[in-house]
Amino acid sequence: MGWYNLGSVYSDDHNYPKAIDAYRRSIRLKKDYYRGHFNLANTLSAAGLLEESNAAYLDAEKIQNTDADLYNNHAVVLMRLGREDEAIPGFVHALQLNPGWCRRT
């Protein structure tokens, strides 16, 4: 949890390189911790590392597939990559998981 928490602090401070490193270290120690993968993906996206973010979201989806935020954020990254056709199912799935939910990252 220490590396994960440190990643959160660095991410909140917009120190993305250090946040990414900390999240990756946390994942090496606890490979099945969903929040580590999810926050790594979010931080990679914020840093503009969209292909890496896409891969991290895919890893997170293997662990947890019931989080509307995950599918929405992943779809936003796919949109930013110009892959609209791939993004649409993610938005739809997010709404299926939480029909009253509306948020853009």
Protein backbone atom coordinates (compact mmCIF):
# COMPACT_ATOMS: atom_id res chain seq x y z
CA MET A 1 0.00 0.00 0.00
CA GLY A 2 2.91 2.35 0.56
CA TRP A 3 3.87 2.60 -3.11
CA TYR A 4 0.21 2.94 -4.10
CA ASN A 5 -0.33 5.75 -1.59
CA LEU A 6 2.84 7.47 -2.72
CA GLY A 7 1.60 7.24 -6.31
CA SER A 8 -1.63 8.93 -5.27
CA VAL A 9 0.24 11.78 -3.60
CA TYR A 10 2.47 12.31 -6.64
CA SER A 11 -0.51 12.11 -8.98
CA ASP A 12 -2.44 14.68 -6.93
CA ASP A 13 0.61 16.95 -7.23
CA HIS A 14 0.71 16.36 -11.02
CA ASN A 15 4.15 14.78 -10.69
CA TYR A 16 3.26 12.12 -13.22
CA PRO A 17 6.67 10.49 -13.75
CA LYS A 18 7.03 9.78 -10.02
CA ALA A 19 3.37 8.72 -9.73
CA ILE A 20 3.74 6.30 -12.64
CA ASP A 21 6.88 4.81 -11.11
CA ALA A 22 5.20 4.40 -7.71
CA TYR A 23 2.07 2.79 -9.17
CA ARG A 24 4.20 0.39 -11.21
CA ARG A 25 6.13 -0.58 -8.08
CA SER A 26 2.88 -1.17 -6.21
CA ILE A 27 1.63 -3.40 -9.03
CA ARG A 28 4.84 -5.45 -8.99
CA LEU A 29 4.21 -6.14 -5.31
CA LYS A 30 0.48 -6.80 -5.61
CA LYS A 31 -0.40 -7.73 -9.18
CA ASP A 32 -4.10 -8.24 -8.50
CA TYR A 33 -4.74 -4.88 -6.80
CA TYR A 34 -7.27 -3.28 -9.11
CA ARG A 35 -6.88 0.30 -7.87
CA GLY A 36 -3.16 0.23 -8.66
CA HIS A 37 -3.85 -0.65 -12.29
CA PHE A 38 -6.76 1.79 -12.54
CA ASN A 39 -4.83 4.72 -11.08
CA LEU A 40 -1.78 3.90 -13.18
CA ALA A 41 -3.99 4.05 -16.28
CA ASN A 42 -5.53 7.34 -15.17
CA THR A 43 -2.12 8.85 -14.48
CA LEU A 44 -0.69 7.67 -17.79
CA SER A 45 -3.68 9.31 -19.49
CA ALA A 46 -3.15 12.57 -17.60
CA ALA A 47 0.50 12.49 -18.68
CA GLY A 48 -0.54 12.07 -22.31
CA LEU A 49 0.85 8.53 -22.56
CA LEU A 50 -2.29 7.24 -24.21
CA GLU A 51 -1.11 3.90 -25.63
CA GLU A 52 0.38 2.95 -22.27
CA SER A 53 -2.81 4.12 -20.57
CA ASN A 54 -4.88 1.95 -22.91
CA ALA A 55 -2.79 -1.10 -21.98
CA ALA A 56 -3.11 -0.34 -18.26
CA TYR A 57 -6.90 -0.03 -18.56
CA LEU A 58 -6.99 -3.42 -20.28
CA ASP A 59 -5.00 -4.88 -17.37
CA ALA A 60 -7.43 -3.30 -14.88
CA GLU A 61 -10.41 -4.74 -16.78
CA LYS A 62 -8.97 -8.25 -16.33
CA ILE A 63 -9.15 -7.77 -12.55
CA GLN A 64 -12.35 -5.75 -12.12
CA ASN A 65 -15.11 -5.52 -14.69
CA THR A 66 -17.88 -3.83 -12.73
CA ASP A 67 -16.53 -0.28 -12.38
CA ALA A 68 -18.31 2.25 -14.61
CA ASP A 69 -15.47 4.77 -14.11
CA LEU A 70 -13.00 2.26 -15.53
CA TYR A 71 -14.96 1.73 -18.74
CA ASN A 72 -15.71 5.42 -19.16
CA ASN A 73 -12.09 6.50 -18.63
CA HIS A 74 -10.83 3.79 -20.97
CA ALA A 75 -13.32 4.89 -23.64
CA VAL A 76 -12.16 8.50 -23.27
CA VAL A 77 -8.57 7.39 -23.92
CA LEU A 78 -9.69 5.44 -26.98
CA MET A 79 -11.47 8.58 -28.23
CA ARG A 80 -8.30 10.61 -27.68
CA LEU A 81 -6.43 8.00 -29.72
CA GLY A 82 -8.94 8.48 -32.56
CA ARG A 83 -10.43 5.03 -32.05
CA GLU A 84 -14.07 6.09 -31.70
CA ASP A 85 -15.49 2.76 -32.89
CA GLU A 86 -13.65 0.99 -30.07
CA ALA A 87 -14.69 3.62 -27.51
CA ILE A 88 -18.45 3.35 -28.02
CA PRO A 89 -18.82 -0.11 -26.40
CA GLY A 90 -16.93 1.18 -23.35
CA PHE A 91 -19.30 4.09 -22.92
CA VAL A 92 -22.27 1.76 -23.38
CA HIS A 93 -20.88 -0.70 -20.84
CA ALA A 94 -20.29 2.10 -18.32
CA LEU A 95 -23.92 3.15 -18.68
CA GLN A 96 -25.10 -0.45 -18.34
CA LEU A 97 -23.17 -0.73 -15.10
CA ASN A 98 -24.54 2.54 -13.79
CA PRO A 99 -27.51 3.79 -15.87
CA GLY A 100 -27.89 7.08 -13.99
CA TRP A 101 -24.23 7.91 -14.11
CA CYS A 102 -22.77 10.76 -16.13
CA ARG A 103 -19.20 11.98 -15.82
CA ARG A 104 -16.40 12.94 -18.14
CA THR A 105 -12.74 12.67 -17.17
